[in-house]
N, C-alpha and C. Protein backbone atom coordinates (compact mmCIF):
# COMPACT_ATOMS: atom_id res chain seq x y z
N UNK A 1 20.25 4.39 -2.10
CA UNK A 1 20.51 3.49 -1.00
C UNK A 1 21.52 4.15 -0.07
N UNK A 2 21.20 4.08 1.19
CA UNK A 2 22.10 4.61 2.22
C UNK A 2 23.16 3.59 2.58
N UNK A 3 24.26 4.10 3.06
CA UNK A 3 25.33 3.25 3.58
C UNK A 3 25.60 3.67 5.01
N UNK A 4 25.69 2.70 5.89
CA UNK A 4 25.98 2.97 7.30
C UNK A 4 27.10 2.05 7.77
N UNK A 5 27.90 2.56 8.70
CA UNK A 5 28.92 1.75 9.32
C UNK A 5 28.27 0.81 10.33
N UNK A 6 28.86 -0.34 10.52
CA UNK A 6 28.32 -1.28 11.49
C UNK A 6 28.31 -0.66 12.90
N UNK A 7 29.28 0.19 13.18
CA UNK A 7 29.31 0.84 14.49
C UNK A 7 28.13 1.81 14.65
N UNK A 8 27.74 2.47 13.56
CA UNK A 8 26.56 3.35 13.60
C UNK A 8 25.31 2.53 13.88
N UNK A 9 25.23 1.38 13.23
CA UNK A 9 24.08 0.50 13.46
C UNK A 9 24.02 0.06 14.91
N UNK A 10 25.19 -0.26 15.49
CA UNK A 10 25.23 -0.67 16.90
C UNK A 10 24.75 0.44 17.82
N UNK A 11 25.20 1.67 17.54
CA UNK A 11 24.88 2.80 18.42
C UNK A 11 23.48 3.36 18.20
N UNK A 12 23.01 3.31 16.94
CA UNK A 12 21.76 3.98 16.60
C UNK A 12 20.79 3.05 15.88
N UNK A 13 20.69 1.82 16.34
CA UNK A 13 19.85 0.82 15.66
C UNK A 13 18.41 1.28 15.52
N UNK A 14 17.85 1.83 16.57
CA UNK A 14 16.45 2.26 16.52
C UNK A 14 16.25 3.34 15.46
N UNK A 15 17.14 4.30 15.39
CA UNK A 15 17.03 5.38 14.41
C UNK A 15 17.21 4.85 12.98
N UNK A 16 18.18 3.97 12.79
CA UNK A 16 18.43 3.40 11.46
C UNK A 16 17.21 2.61 11.00
N UNK A 17 16.65 1.80 11.89
CA UNK A 17 15.48 0.99 11.54
C UNK A 17 14.26 1.88 11.28
N UNK A 18 14.08 2.91 12.07
CA UNK A 18 12.96 3.83 11.85
C UNK A 18 13.06 4.49 10.48
N UNK A 19 14.25 4.94 10.13
CA UNK A 19 14.46 5.57 8.82
C UNK A 19 14.26 4.56 7.71
N UNK A 20 14.72 3.33 7.91
CA UNK A 20 14.55 2.26 6.94
C UNK A 20 13.07 1.99 6.68
N UNK A 21 12.31 1.93 7.75
CA UNK A 21 10.87 1.68 7.63
C UNK A 21 10.18 2.82 6.89
N UNK A 22 10.58 4.03 7.19
CA UNK A 22 9.97 5.20 6.54
C UNK A 22 10.32 5.28 5.06
N UNK A 23 11.60 5.07 4.73
CA UNK A 23 12.07 5.20 3.34
C UNK A 23 11.81 3.96 2.50
N UNK A 24 11.76 2.81 3.14
CA UNK A 24 11.68 1.52 2.46
C UNK A 24 12.80 1.37 1.42
N UNK A 25 13.96 1.88 1.80
CA UNK A 25 15.17 1.78 0.97
C UNK A 25 16.17 0.90 1.71
N UNK A 26 16.80 -0.04 1.03
CA UNK A 26 17.81 -0.87 1.70
C UNK A 26 18.95 -0.02 2.24
N UNK A 27 19.56 -0.50 3.30
CA UNK A 27 20.73 0.16 3.88
C UNK A 27 21.89 -0.82 3.77
N UNK A 28 22.97 -0.36 3.17
CA UNK A 28 24.18 -1.17 3.07
C UNK A 28 24.99 -0.95 4.34
N UNK A 29 25.29 -2.03 5.03
CA UNK A 29 26.08 -1.96 6.25
C UNK A 29 27.52 -2.34 5.89
N UNK A 30 28.45 -1.46 6.26
CA UNK A 30 29.86 -1.74 5.96
C UNK A 30 30.62 -2.02 7.26
N UNK A 31 31.64 -2.85 7.11
CA UNK A 31 32.50 -3.18 8.24
C UNK A 31 33.94 -3.11 7.74
N UNK A 32 34.74 -2.32 8.38
CA UNK A 32 36.13 -2.11 7.96
C UNK A 32 36.20 -1.63 6.51
N UNK A 33 35.23 -0.80 6.13
CA UNK A 33 35.21 -0.22 4.79
C UNK A 33 34.70 -1.13 3.69
N UNK A 34 34.27 -2.34 4.04
CA UNK A 34 33.79 -3.30 3.04
C UNK A 34 32.31 -3.61 3.26
N UNK A 35 31.58 -3.86 2.19
CA UNK A 35 30.17 -4.24 2.35
C UNK A 35 30.06 -5.51 3.19
N UNK A 36 29.18 -5.49 4.20
CA UNK A 36 29.02 -6.64 5.08
C UNK A 36 27.61 -7.21 5.03
N UNK A 37 26.60 -6.34 4.86
CA UNK A 37 25.22 -6.82 4.88
C UNK A 37 24.29 -5.74 4.33
N UNK A 38 23.12 -6.18 3.92
CA UNK A 38 22.06 -5.25 3.56
C UNK A 38 20.97 -5.37 4.61
N UNK A 39 20.43 -4.26 5.00
CA UNK A 39 19.32 -4.22 5.93
C UNK A 39 18.10 -3.75 5.15
N UNK A 40 17.02 -4.56 5.16
CA UNK A 40 15.81 -4.20 4.43
C UNK A 40 14.60 -4.33 5.35
N UNK A 41 13.53 -3.63 5.00
CA UNK A 41 12.32 -3.69 5.81
C UNK A 41 11.59 -5.02 5.58
N UNK A 42 10.73 -5.36 6.49
CA UNK A 42 10.03 -6.65 6.48
C UNK A 42 9.19 -6.82 5.21
N UNK A 43 8.47 -5.80 4.82
CA UNK A 43 7.61 -5.91 3.63
C UNK A 43 8.43 -6.21 2.38
N UNK A 44 9.54 -5.51 2.20
CA UNK A 44 10.41 -5.75 1.05
C UNK A 44 10.96 -7.17 1.07
N UNK A 45 11.36 -7.63 2.25
CA UNK A 45 11.88 -9.00 2.39
C UNK A 45 10.82 -10.02 1.99
N UNK A 46 9.59 -9.84 2.47
CA UNK A 46 8.52 -10.79 2.16
C UNK A 46 8.20 -10.81 0.66
N UNK A 47 8.19 -9.65 0.03
CA UNK A 47 7.96 -9.59 -1.42
C UNK A 47 9.08 -10.32 -2.15
N UNK A 48 10.32 -10.11 -1.74
CA UNK A 48 11.46 -10.78 -2.37
C UNK A 48 11.36 -12.31 -2.20
N UNK A 49 10.96 -12.76 -1.02
CA UNK A 49 10.82 -14.20 -0.78
C UNK A 49 9.73 -14.79 -1.67
N UNK A 50 8.60 -14.09 -1.81
CA UNK A 50 7.53 -14.57 -2.67
C UNK A 50 7.98 -14.65 -4.13
N UNK A 51 8.71 -13.64 -4.57
CA UNK A 51 9.23 -13.66 -5.95
C UNK A 51 10.21 -14.82 -6.14
N UNK A 52 11.06 -15.04 -5.17
CA UNK A 52 12.04 -16.12 -5.25
C UNK A 52 11.35 -17.47 -5.33
N UNK A 53 10.31 -17.67 -4.52
CA UNK A 53 9.55 -18.91 -4.55
C UNK A 53 8.94 -19.14 -5.92
N UNK A 54 8.36 -18.08 -6.50
CA UNK A 54 7.78 -18.18 -7.83
C UNK A 54 8.84 -18.52 -8.88
N UNK A 55 9.97 -17.84 -8.82
CA UNK A 55 11.05 -18.09 -9.79
C UNK A 55 11.61 -19.51 -9.65
N UNK A 56 11.71 -20.01 -8.43
CA UNK A 56 12.18 -21.39 -8.23
C UNK A 56 11.20 -22.38 -8.83
N UNK A 57 9.91 -22.12 -8.71
CA UNK A 57 8.89 -22.99 -9.31
C UNK A 57 8.99 -22.99 -10.83
N UNK A 58 9.20 -21.83 -11.40
CA UNK A 58 9.37 -21.73 -12.86
C UNK A 58 10.60 -22.49 -13.30
N UNK A 59 11.70 -22.35 -12.56
CA UNK A 59 12.94 -23.05 -12.90
C UNK A 59 12.75 -24.57 -12.84
N UNK A 60 12.02 -25.06 -11.81
CA UNK A 60 11.75 -26.50 -11.72
C UNK A 60 10.91 -26.96 -12.91
N UNK A 61 9.94 -26.15 -13.31
CA UNK A 61 9.11 -26.49 -14.47
C UNK A 61 9.92 -26.53 -15.75
N UNK A 62 10.79 -25.57 -15.94
CA UNK A 62 11.63 -25.55 -17.14
C UNK A 62 12.57 -26.75 -17.16
N UNK A 63 13.10 -27.12 -16.00
CA UNK A 63 13.98 -28.28 -15.92
C UNK A 63 13.20 -29.55 -16.26
N UNK A 64 11.99 -29.66 -15.77
CA UNK A 64 11.15 -30.83 -16.07
C UNK A 64 10.88 -30.93 -17.57
N UNK A 65 10.66 -29.80 -18.21
CA UNK A 65 10.44 -29.79 -19.67
C UNK A 65 11.69 -30.29 -20.39
N UNK A 66 12.85 -29.75 -19.99
CA UNK A 66 14.10 -30.17 -20.62
C UNK A 66 14.37 -31.67 -20.44
N UNK A 67 13.97 -32.20 -19.29
CA UNK A 67 14.17 -33.62 -19.00
C UNK A 67 13.01 -34.48 -19.51
N UNK A 68 12.11 -33.84 -20.21
CA UNK A 68 10.93 -34.50 -20.79
C UNK A 68 10.09 -35.22 -19.73
N UNK A 69 10.01 -34.62 -18.55
CA UNK A 69 9.14 -35.13 -17.49
C UNK A 69 7.86 -34.33 -17.50
N UNK A 70 7.09 -34.50 -18.56
CA UNK A 70 5.86 -33.74 -18.73
C UNK A 70 4.71 -34.67 -19.06
N UNK A 71 3.49 -34.16 -18.89
CA UNK A 71 2.28 -34.91 -19.21
C UNK A 71 1.46 -34.11 -20.20
N UNK A 72 0.67 -34.81 -20.98
CA UNK A 72 -0.28 -34.12 -21.82
C UNK A 72 -1.40 -33.58 -20.94
N UNK A 73 -2.16 -32.69 -21.48
CA UNK A 73 -3.28 -32.12 -20.72
C UNK A 73 -4.23 -33.22 -20.28
N UNK A 74 -4.51 -34.16 -21.18
CA UNK A 74 -5.43 -35.26 -20.88
C UNK A 74 -4.89 -36.14 -19.74
N UNK A 75 -3.58 -36.48 -19.82
CA UNK A 75 -2.97 -37.30 -18.77
C UNK A 75 -3.01 -36.58 -17.42
N UNK A 76 -2.75 -35.31 -17.45
CA UNK A 76 -2.77 -34.53 -16.21
C UNK A 76 -4.18 -34.51 -15.61
N UNK A 77 -5.19 -34.33 -16.45
CA UNK A 77 -6.57 -34.33 -15.96
C UNK A 77 -6.94 -35.68 -15.35
N UNK A 78 -6.53 -36.77 -15.98
CA UNK A 78 -6.83 -38.11 -15.45
C UNK A 78 -6.17 -38.30 -14.09
N UNK A 79 -4.91 -37.91 -13.98
CA UNK A 79 -4.20 -38.05 -12.71
C UNK A 79 -4.84 -37.19 -11.61
N UNK A 80 -5.21 -36.01 -11.97
CA UNK A 80 -5.84 -35.12 -11.00
C UNK A 80 -7.18 -35.66 -10.57
N UNK A 81 -7.94 -36.22 -11.50
CA UNK A 81 -9.24 -36.77 -11.17
C UNK A 81 -9.08 -37.92 -10.19
N UNK A 82 -8.08 -38.78 -10.40
CA UNK A 82 -7.81 -39.89 -9.48
C UNK A 82 -7.35 -39.38 -8.13
N UNK A 83 -6.54 -38.35 -8.16
CA UNK A 83 -6.00 -37.79 -6.92
C UNK A 83 -7.10 -37.13 -6.09
N UNK A 84 -8.03 -36.45 -6.77
CA UNK A 84 -9.10 -35.73 -6.07
C UNK A 84 -10.24 -36.63 -5.64
N UNK A 85 -10.32 -37.84 -6.23
CA UNK A 85 -11.44 -38.73 -5.92
C UNK A 85 -11.34 -39.32 -4.54
């Protein structure tokens, strides 16, 4: 992973973004010597968002199981049949 100063990003944004797109490696942007942000390409961001959505769904399902908010297969089929009718 590359590290760039925020001032470099300001001066050479097009070059930094071009290199980012080519490498598909995140760039750590620092400000006053401290990490300030990560810059990632669009494809990587979209993949991360899709993974996050999937993980959030799994977490909701696990929480429902712990709270015993579940249906049997038969109950689920009956509800779906009513919903689809």
